[in-house]
C-alpha atoms as a PDB file:
ATOM      1  CA  MET A   1       0.236   0.087  -0.121  1.00  0.00           C
ATOM      2  CA  LYS A   2       1.152   3.674  -0.813  1.00  0.00           C
ATOM      3  CA  VAL A   3       1.939   5.262   2.020  1.00  0.00           C
ATOM      4  CA  LEU A   4      -0.154   8.580   2.533  1.00  0.00           C
ATOM      5  CA  THR A   5       2.606  11.077   3.917  1.00  0.00           C
ATOM      6  CA  LYS A   6       1.804  13.498   1.277  1.00  0.00           C
ATOM      7  CA  LEU A   7      -1.986  13.974   2.320  1.00  0.00           C
ATOM      8  CA  ALA A   8      -2.923  16.549   5.538  1.00  0.00           C
ATOM      9  CA  ALA A   9      -4.187  14.684   8.384  1.00  0.00           C
ATOM     10  CA  GLY A  10      -8.059  15.319   7.866  1.00  0.00           C
ATOM     11  CA  ALA A  11      -7.361  13.938   3.992  1.00  0.00           C
ATOM     12  CA  ALA A  12      -5.828  11.003   5.032  1.00  0.00           C
ATOM     13  CA  THR A  13      -8.037   9.881   8.209  1.00  0.00           C
ATOM     14  CA  MET A  14     -10.953  10.255   5.595  1.00  0.00           C
ATOM     15  CA  VAL A  15      -9.400   8.013   2.683  1.00  0.00           C
ATOM     16  CA  VAL A  16      -8.622   5.432   5.230  1.00  0.00           C
ATOM     17  CA  ALA A  17     -12.274   5.681   7.263  1.00  0.00           C
ATOM     18  CA  ILE A  18     -14.096   5.465   4.063  1.00  0.00           C
ATOM     19  CA  ALA A  19     -12.104   3.046   2.071  1.00  0.00           C
ATOM     20  CA  GLY A  20     -11.604   0.455   5.108  1.00  0.00           C
ATOM     21  CA  THR A  21      -8.245   0.502   4.358  1.00  0.00           C
ATOM     22  CA  THR A  22      -6.136  -2.184   6.588  1.00  0.00           C
ATOM     23  CA  LEU A  23      -2.663  -0.196   7.424  1.00  0.00           C
ATOM     24  CA  PRO A  24       0.516  -2.541   8.559  1.00  0.00           C
ATOM     25  CA  ALA A  25       2.088  -1.179  11.362  1.00  0.00           C
ATOM     26  CA  ASP A  26       4.517   1.347   9.521  1.00  0.00           C
ATOM     27  CA  ALA A  27       1.952   3.145   7.612  1.00  0.00           C
ATOM     28  CA  LEU A  28       0.902   5.593   9.991  1.00  0.00           C
ATOM     29  CA  THR A  29       1.882   9.109   9.769  1.00  0.00           C
ATOM     30  CA  ILE A  30       2.535  11.378  12.686  1.00  0.00           C
ATOM     31  CA  ALA A  31      -0.425  13.541  11.639  1.00  0.00           C
ATOM     32  CA  GLN A  32      -2.492   9.926  11.326  1.00  0.00           C
ATOM     33  CA  ASN A  33      -1.181   9.017  14.677  1.00  0.00           C
ATOM     34  CA  LYS A  34      -2.290  12.639  16.079  1.00  0.00           C
ATOM     35  CA  ALA A  35      -5.741  11.766  14.382  1.00  0.00           C
ATOM     36  CA  ALA A  36      -6.170   8.578  16.520  1.00  0.00           C
ATOM     37  CA  GLN A  37      -5.161  10.151  20.080  1.00  0.00           C
ATOM     38  CA  THR A  38      -7.604  12.922  19.287  1.00  0.00           C
ATOM     39  CA  ARG A  39      -9.854  10.361  18.571  1.00  0.00           C
ATOM     40  CA  LEU A  40      -9.555   8.092  21.548  1.00  0.00           C
ATOM     41  CA  ASN A  41      -9.861  11.173  23.975  1.00  0.00           C
ATOM     42  CA  LYS A  42     -12.972  12.111  22.427  1.00  0.00           C
ATOM     43  CA  LEU A  43     -14.437   8.476  22.774  1.00  0.00           C
ATOM     44  CA  GLY A  44     -13.141   8.459  26.232  1.00  0.00           C
ATOM     45  CA  CYS A  45     -10.320   5.875  25.863  1.00  0.00           C
ATOM     46  CA  TYR A  46      -7.708   8.431  27.398  1.00  0.00           C
ATOM     47  CA  ALA A  47      -4.522   8.305  25.154  1.00  0.00           C
ATOM     48  CA  GLY A  48      -2.953  11.254  27.079  1.00  0.00           C
ATOM     49  CA  PRO A  49      -1.035  13.751  25.258  1.00  0.00           C
ATOM     50  CA  VAL A  50      -1.462  14.179  21.349  1.00  0.00           C
ATOM     51  CA  ASP A  51       1.782  14.339  20.341  1.00  0.00           C
ATOM     52  CA  GLY A  52       1.797  11.804  17.376  1.00  0.00           C
ATOM     53  CA  LYS A  53       3.834   9.272  19.571  1.00  0.00           C
ATOM     54  CA  ILE A  54       2.191   5.903  20.015  1.00  0.00           C
ATOM     55  CA  GLY A  55       3.414   5.289  23.743  1.00  0.00           C
ATOM     56  CA  GLN A  56       2.145   2.939  26.755  1.00  0.00           C
ATOM     57  CA  MET A  57      -0.410   4.975  27.189  1.00  0.00           C
ATOM     58  CA  THR A  58      -1.673   5.334  23.750  1.00  0.00           C
ATOM     59  CA  GLN A  59      -1.489   1.680  23.552  1.00  0.00           C
ATOM     60  CA  ALA A  60      -3.372   1.153  26.580  1.00  0.00           C
ATOM     61  CA  ALA A  61      -5.981   3.413  25.142  1.00  0.00           C
ATOM     62  CA  THR A  62      -6.317   1.495  21.976  1.00  0.00           C
ATOM     63  CA  ILE A  63      -7.091  -1.703  23.935  1.00  0.00           C
ATOM     64  CA  ARG A  64      -9.442  -0.013  25.982  1.00  0.00           C
ATOM     65  CA  PHE A  65     -11.178   1.040  22.585  1.00  0.00           C
ATOM     66  CA  GLN A  66     -10.247  -2.587  21.083  1.00  0.00           C
ATOM     67  CA  ALA A  67     -11.891  -4.156  24.089  1.00  0.00           C
ATOM     68  CA  ALA A  68     -15.148  -1.938  24.038  1.00  0.00           C
ATOM     69  CA  ASN A  69     -15.364  -2.538  20.301  1.00  0.00           C
ATOM     70  CA  LYS A  70     -14.765  -6.259  20.338  1.00  0.00           C
ATOM     71  CA  MET A  71     -11.811  -6.924  18.824  1.00  0.00           C
ATOM     72  CA  THR A  72      -8.604  -8.510  19.023  1.00  0.00           C
ATOM     73  CA  GLN A  73      -6.809  -6.629  22.161  1.00  0.00           C
ATOM     74  CA  ASN A  74      -3.302  -5.970  21.213  1.00  0.00           C
ATOM     75  CA  GLY A  75      -2.588  -2.392  21.399  1.00  0.00           C
ATOM     76  CA  SER A  76      -1.792  -1.662  17.704  1.00  0.00           C
ATOM     77  CA  LEU A  77      -3.647   0.908  15.233  1.00  0.00           C
ATOM     78  CA  ALA A  78      -2.704  -1.600  12.494  1.00  0.00           C
ATOM     79  CA  GLY A  79      -4.699  -3.488  10.557  1.00  0.00           C
ATOM     80  CA  THR A  80      -8.297  -2.634  10.922  1.00  0.00           C
ATOM     81  CA  THR A  81      -8.337  -0.667  14.064  1.00  0.00           C
ATOM     82  CA  TYR A  82      -7.748   2.087  12.837  1.00  0.00           C
ATOM     83  CA  SER A  83     -10.200   2.729  10.308  1.00  0.00           C
ATOM     84  CA  ARG A  84     -12.581   1.365  12.578  1.00  0.00           C
ATOM     85  CA  LEU A  85     -11.477   4.204  15.048  1.00  0.00           C
ATOM     86  CA  LEU A  86     -12.668   6.509  12.989  1.00  0.00           C
ATOM     87  CA  ALA A  87     -16.017   5.413  11.589  1.00  0.00           C
ATOM     88  CA  ALA A  88     -18.977   6.770  12.942  1.00  0.00           C
ATOM     89  CA  SER A  89     -19.893   3.507  14.408  1.00  0.00           C
ATOM     90  CA  ALA A  90     -17.380   3.431  17.023  1.00  0.00           C
ATOM     91  CA  LYS A  91     -18.276   2.867  20.671  1.00  0.00           C
ATOM     92  CA  ARG A  92     -17.138   4.531  23.276  1.00  0.00           C
ATOM     93  CA  CYS A  93     -15.091   3.540  26.097  1.00  0.00           C
ATOM     94  CA  ASP A  94     -16.215   5.013  29.145  1.00  0.00           C
ATOM     95  CA  VAL A  95     -19.806   3.847  28.541  1.00  0.00           C
ATOM     96  CA  ARG A  96     -20.283   0.337  27.646  1.00  0.00           C
ATOM     97  CA  ALA A  97     -23.433  -2.007  27.211  1.00  0.00           C
ATOM     98  CA  VAL A  98     -23.977  -4.289  30.563  1.00  0.00           C
ATOM     99  CA  PRO A  99     -23.525  -7.951  29.409  1.00  0.00           C
ATOM    100  CA  ALA A 100     -26.557 -10.164  30.031  1.00  0.00           C
ATOM    101  CA  SER A 101     -25.934 -10.768  34.061  1.00  0.00           C
ATOM    102  CA  GLY A 102     -30.055 -11.390  35.327  1.00  0.00           C
ATOM    103  CA  GLY A 103     -31.481  -8.952  37.507  1.00  0.00           C
ATOM    104  CA  GLY A 104     -31.536  -7.230  40.688  1.00  0.00           C
ATOM    105  CA  LYS A 105     -28.982  -5.267  42.555  1.00  0.00           C
ATOM    106  CA  ARG A 106     -25.653  -6.217  41.159  1.00  0.00           C
ATOM    107  CA  ILE A 107     -21.805  -5.898  39.983  1.00  0.00           C
ATOM    108  CA  VAL A 108     -21.081  -7.355  36.523  1.00  0.00           C
ATOM    109  CA  ILE A 109     -17.564  -7.913  35.439  1.00  0.00           C
ATOM    110  CA  SER A 110     -16.419  -8.564  31.923  1.00  0.00           C
ATOM    111  CA  GLN A 111     -13.404 -10.427  31.742  1.00  0.00           C
ATOM    112  CA  GLY A 112     -13.340 -10.240  27.782  1.00  0.00           C
ATOM    113  CA  GLN A 113     -13.322  -6.315  28.183  1.00  0.00           C
ATOM    114  CA  ASN A 114     -12.080  -5.825  31.633  1.00  0.00           C
ATOM    115  CA  TYR A 115     -14.358  -3.567  32.404  1.00  0.00           C
ATOM    116  CA  LEU A 116     -17.141  -3.676  35.569  1.00  0.00           C
ATOM    117  CA  TRP A 117     -20.443  -2.089  36.318  1.00  0.00           C
ATOM    118  CA  LEU A 118     -22.342  -1.577  39.855  1.00  0.00           C
ATOM    119  CA  ILE A 119     -26.081  -1.983  38.702  1.00  0.00           C
ATOM    120  CA  ASP A 120     -28.859  -0.629  41.210  1.00  0.00           C
ATOM    121  CA  ALA A 121     -32.125  -2.909  42.234  1.00  0.00           C
ATOM    122  CA  ALA A 122     -34.071  -0.817  39.151  1.00  0.00           C
ATOM    123  CA  GLY A 123     -31.516  -1.843  36.862  1.00  0.00           C
ATOM    124  CA  LYS A 124     -30.159   1.421  36.661  1.00  0.00           C
ATOM    125  CA  VAL A 125     -25.922   1.695  36.124  1.00  0.00           C
ATOM    126  CA  VAL A 126     -24.727   3.667  39.172  1.00  0.00           C
ATOM    127  CA  ARG A 127     -20.814   3.179  38.100  1.00  0.00           C
ATOM    128  CA  GLN A 128     -18.781   1.714  35.573  1.00  0.00           C
ATOM    129  CA  GLY A 129     -15.166   1.588  34.454  1.00  0.00           C
ATOM    130  CA  GLY A 130     -11.743  -0.305  33.829  1.00  0.00           C
ATOM    131  CA  ILE A 131     -10.481  -3.203  35.914  1.00  0.00           C
ATOM    132  CA  ILE A 132      -7.466  -5.462  35.998  1.00  0.00           C
ATOM    133  CA  ASP A 133      -8.042  -8.560  36.717  1.00  0.00           C
ATOM    134  CA  ASN A 134      -6.230 -12.701  36.207  1.00  0.00           C
ATOM    135  CA  PRO A 135      -9.088 -14.526  34.376  1.00  0.00           C
ATOM    136  CA  SER A 136      -6.817 -17.843  35.364  1.00  0.00           C
ATOM    137  CA  TYR A 137      -7.801 -17.330  39.117  1.00  0.00           C
ATOM    138  CA  LEU A 138     -11.742 -15.969  38.851  1.00  0.00           C
ATOM    139  CA  LYS A 139     -13.736 -18.327  36.826  1.00  0.00           C
ATOM    140  CA  PRO A 140     -17.126 -16.918  34.850  1.00  0.00           C
ATOM    141  CA  GLY A 141     -20.602 -17.627  37.485  1.00  0.00           C
ATOM    142  CA  THR A 142     -22.358 -16.149  40.075  1.00  0.00           C
ATOM    143  CA  TYR A 143     -20.929 -15.001  43.398  1.00  0.00           C
ATOM    144  CA  SER A 144     -21.792 -13.032  46.484  1.00  0.00           C
ATOM    145  CA  THR A 145     -19.685 -10.379  48.855  1.00  0.00           C
ATOM    146  CA  GLY A 146     -19.460 -11.572  52.558  1.00  0.00           C
ATOM    147  CA  SER A 147     -17.213 -13.457  54.587  1.00  0.00           C
ATOM    148  CA  LYS A 148     -15.564 -16.455  52.701  1.00  0.00           C
ATOM    149  CA  CYS A 149     -13.290 -19.483  54.393  1.00  0.00           C
ATOM    150  CA  GLY A 150     -13.756 -17.596  57.638  1.00  0.00           C
ATOM    151  CA  ARG A 151     -12.132 -14.419  56.550  1.00  0.00           C
ATOM    152  CA  ALA A 152     -13.777 -10.821  57.002  1.00  0.00           C
ATOM    153  CA  ALA A 153     -15.712  -9.613  53.905  1.00  0.00           C
ATOM    154  CA  ARG A 154     -14.607  -6.316  54.122  1.00  0.00           C
ATOM    155  CA  ILE A 155     -11.180  -4.470  55.044  1.00  0.00           C
ATOM    156  CA  LYS A 156     -10.684  -0.705  54.967  1.00  0.00           C
ATOM    157  CA  ARG A 157      -6.638  -1.282  54.621  1.00  0.00           C
ATOM    158  CA  ASN A 158      -5.837  -5.076  53.784  1.00  0.00           C
ATOM    159  CA  THR A 159      -2.466  -5.830  53.472  1.00  0.00           C
ATOM    160  CA  ASP A 160      -0.717  -8.235  51.165  1.00  0.00           C
ATOM    161  CA  GLY A 161       1.469  -9.308  54.231  1.00  0.00           C
ATOM    162  CA  ALA A 162       4.382  -7.447  52.779  1.00  0.00           C
ATOM    163  CA  SER A 163       4.976  -4.324  51.255  1.00  0.00           C
ATOM    164  CA  LEU A 164       1.674  -3.515  50.008  1.00  0.00           C
ATOM    165  CA  TYR A 165      -2.047  -2.012  50.822  1.00  0.00           C
ATOM    166  CA  LEU A 166      -4.903  -3.768  48.986  1.00  0.00           C
ATOM    167  CA  ASN A 167      -7.507  -0.732  49.981  1.00  0.00           C
ATOM    168  CA  ASN A 168     -11.280  -1.029  50.486  1.00  0.00           C
ATOM    169  CA  PHE A 169     -11.128  -4.707  50.099  1.00  0.00           C
ATOM    170  CA  VAL A 170     -14.100  -6.204  49.837  1.00  0.00           C
ATOM    171  CA  ARG A 171     -14.324 -10.113  49.036  1.00  0.00           C
ATOM    172  CA  PHE A 172     -16.713 -11.722  46.898  1.00  0.00           C
ATOM    173  CA  ALA A 173     -15.354 -15.210  46.090  1.00  0.00           C
ATOM    174  CA  PRO A 174     -13.326 -17.942  47.706  1.00  0.00           C
ATOM    175  CA  CYS A 175     -11.153 -17.532  49.722  1.00  0.00           C
ATOM    176  CA  GLY A 176      -8.943 -14.233  48.891  1.00  0.00           C
ATOM    177  CA  ILE A 177     -10.317 -12.772  46.183  1.00  0.00           C
ATOM    178  CA  GLY A 178     -12.212  -9.581  46.383  1.00  0.00           C
ATOM    179  CA  PHE A 179     -12.222  -5.766  45.008  1.00  0.00           C
ATOM    180  CA  HIS A 180      -9.928  -3.204  45.824  1.00  0.00           C
ATOM    181  CA  GLN A 181      -7.955  -0.408  45.190  1.00  0.00           C
ATOM    182  CA  ILE A 182      -4.871  -0.438  42.878  1.00  0.00           C
ATOM    183  CA  PRO A 183      -1.906  -1.577  45.223  1.00  0.00           C
ATOM    184  CA  THR A 184       0.025   1.195  46.889  1.00  0.00           C
ATOM    185  CA  TYR A 185       2.951   0.660  48.781  1.00  0.00           C
ATOM    186  CA  LYS A 186       3.106   0.938  52.426  1.00  0.00           C
ATOM    187  CA  SER A 187       6.501   3.157  51.886  1.00  0.00           C
ATOM    188  CA  ASN A 188       5.118   6.197  50.157  1.00  0.00           C
ATOM    189  CA  GLY A 189       1.160   5.905  49.465  1.00  0.00           C
ATOM    190  CA  ALA A 190       2.208   5.398  45.612  1.00  0.00           C
ATOM    191  CA  GLN A 191      -0.046   3.134  43.236  1.00  0.00           C
ATOM    192  CA  ILE A 192       2.113  -0.038  41.632  1.00  0.00           C
ATOM    193  CA  HIS A 193       0.738   1.153  38.381  1.00  0.00           C
ATOM    194  CA  GLY A 194      -1.252   3.994  36.980  1.00  0.00           C
ATOM    195  CA  ASP A 195      -5.152   4.409  36.463  1.00  0.00           C
ATOM    196  CA  TRP A 196      -4.597   4.383  32.777  1.00  0.00           C
ATOM    197  CA  LEU A 197      -3.671   0.510  32.644  1.00  0.00           C
ATOM    198  CA  LEU A 198      -7.159  -0.133  33.948  1.00  0.00           C
ATOM    199  CA  GLY A 199      -9.260  -1.408  31.648  1.00  0.00           C
ATOM    200  CA  THR A 200      -6.448  -2.852  29.342  1.00  0.00           C
ATOM    201  CA  ASN A 201      -4.834  -6.797  29.484  1.00  0.00           C
ATOM    202  CA  LYS A 202      -1.105  -5.567  29.883  1.00  0.00           C
ATOM    203  CA  LYS A 203      -1.568  -6.184  33.860  1.00  0.00           C
ATOM    204  CA  ALA A 204      -2.533  -8.997  35.383  1.00  0.00           C
ATOM    205  CA  SER A 205      -3.526  -9.244  38.721  1.00  0.00           C
ATOM    206  CA  HIS A 206      -3.258 -12.265  41.765  1.00  0.00           C
ATOM    207  CA  GLY A 207      -6.668 -13.224  41.259  1.00  0.00           C
ATOM    208  CA  CYS A 208      -8.597 -10.126  42.711  1.00  0.00           C
ATOM    209  CA  ILE A 209     -10.515  -7.167  40.835  1.00  0.00           C
ATOM    210  CA  ARG A 210      -8.132  -3.782  40.631  1.00  0.00           C
ATOM    211  CA  VAL A 211     -10.025  -0.530  40.221  1.00  0.00           C
ATOM    212  CA  GLN A 212      -9.445   2.947  40.771  1.00  0.00           C
ATOM    213  CA  LYS A 213      -9.827   4.720  44.114  1.00  0.00           C
ATOM    214  CA  SER A 214     -12.790   6.464  43.427  1.00  0.00           C
ATOM    215  CA  MET A 215     -14.185   3.562  42.039  1.00  0.00           C
ATOM    216  CA  SER A 216     -12.675   1.544  45.096  1.00  0.00           C
ATOM    217  CA  ASP A 217     -15.266   4.052  47.428  1.00  0.00           C
ATOM    218  CA  ALA A 218     -18.347   3.259  45.491  1.00  0.00           C
ATOM    219  CA  ILE A 219     -17.775  -0.515  45.917  1.00  0.00           C
ATOM    220  CA  TRP A 220     -17.327  -0.043  49.368  1.00  0.00           C
ATOM    221  CA  ASN A 221     -20.301   2.012  49.648  1.00  0.00           C
ATOM    222  CA  PHE A 222     -22.462  -0.196  47.166  1.00  0.00           C
ATOM    223  CA  THR A 223     -21.597  -3.749  49.146  1.00  0.00           C
ATOM    224  CA  THR A 224     -22.960  -2.693  52.483  1.00  0.00           C
ATOM    225  CA  SER A 225     -24.599  -6.034  52.750  1.00  0.00           C
ATOM    226  CA  SER A 226     -24.655  -9.280  50.842  1.00  0.00           C
ATOM    227  CA  THR A 227     -24.233  -8.455  47.021  1.00  0.00           C
ATOM    228  CA  LYS A 228     -24.390 -10.200  44.111  1.00  0.00           C
ATOM    229  CA  VAL A 229     -21.401 -10.310  41.981  1.00  0.00           C
ATOM    230  CA  VAL A 230     -21.988 -11.954  38.187  1.00  0.00           C
ATOM    231  CA  VAL A 231     -18.710 -12.627  36.007  1.00  0.00           C
ATOM    232  CA  VAL A 232     -18.816 -13.187  32.510  1.00  0.00           C
ATOM    233  CA  ARG A 233     -16.268 -13.834  29.915  1.00  0.00           C
END
């Protein structure tokens, strides 16, 4: 394919979007990279600064976009991802349809989308956002928050027994699986990785569901009594 190096950014993106062109990894110009970053930010995927450089934040945003649009999650704008991104039908990263999960008050986890929803008794989504998990530990099915294996249901400042805190820990599956804020170092309170990695497959937990601080607060308040948790692939 001939590289579109001489086209203005708007014209280049329009050609790709209309033609549905498949782009090899080295075919994107700086202008096209900026167009992709602008579009990712507009769709709530959070690519960070629009600088034309495809770094880790843009790759993470691309994975969130691919997950929301049910594409292979590889973090690359190559292939059909670029044209899908620029299409009018592109789905947002930060507002998603709830997977089939029954009714009533519940938390729904989609391992395939790296995402969760808090749904109240009336069926309204009260909060949604990205997660980090490890599907090899947690199998699809229906669980409930509460004490498991004789361990406390909720621990405001849980610990890994070593250097980390697992704040706002809410247990929902045997024996040690729960929701918590991205782990923080006991020494300085810093998170072990940034919020911008949530909603991607670039990290894996040790079995728990990592979320951002504000989401951990929301889950803590949402699960004051036993609450259903539905895990889907």
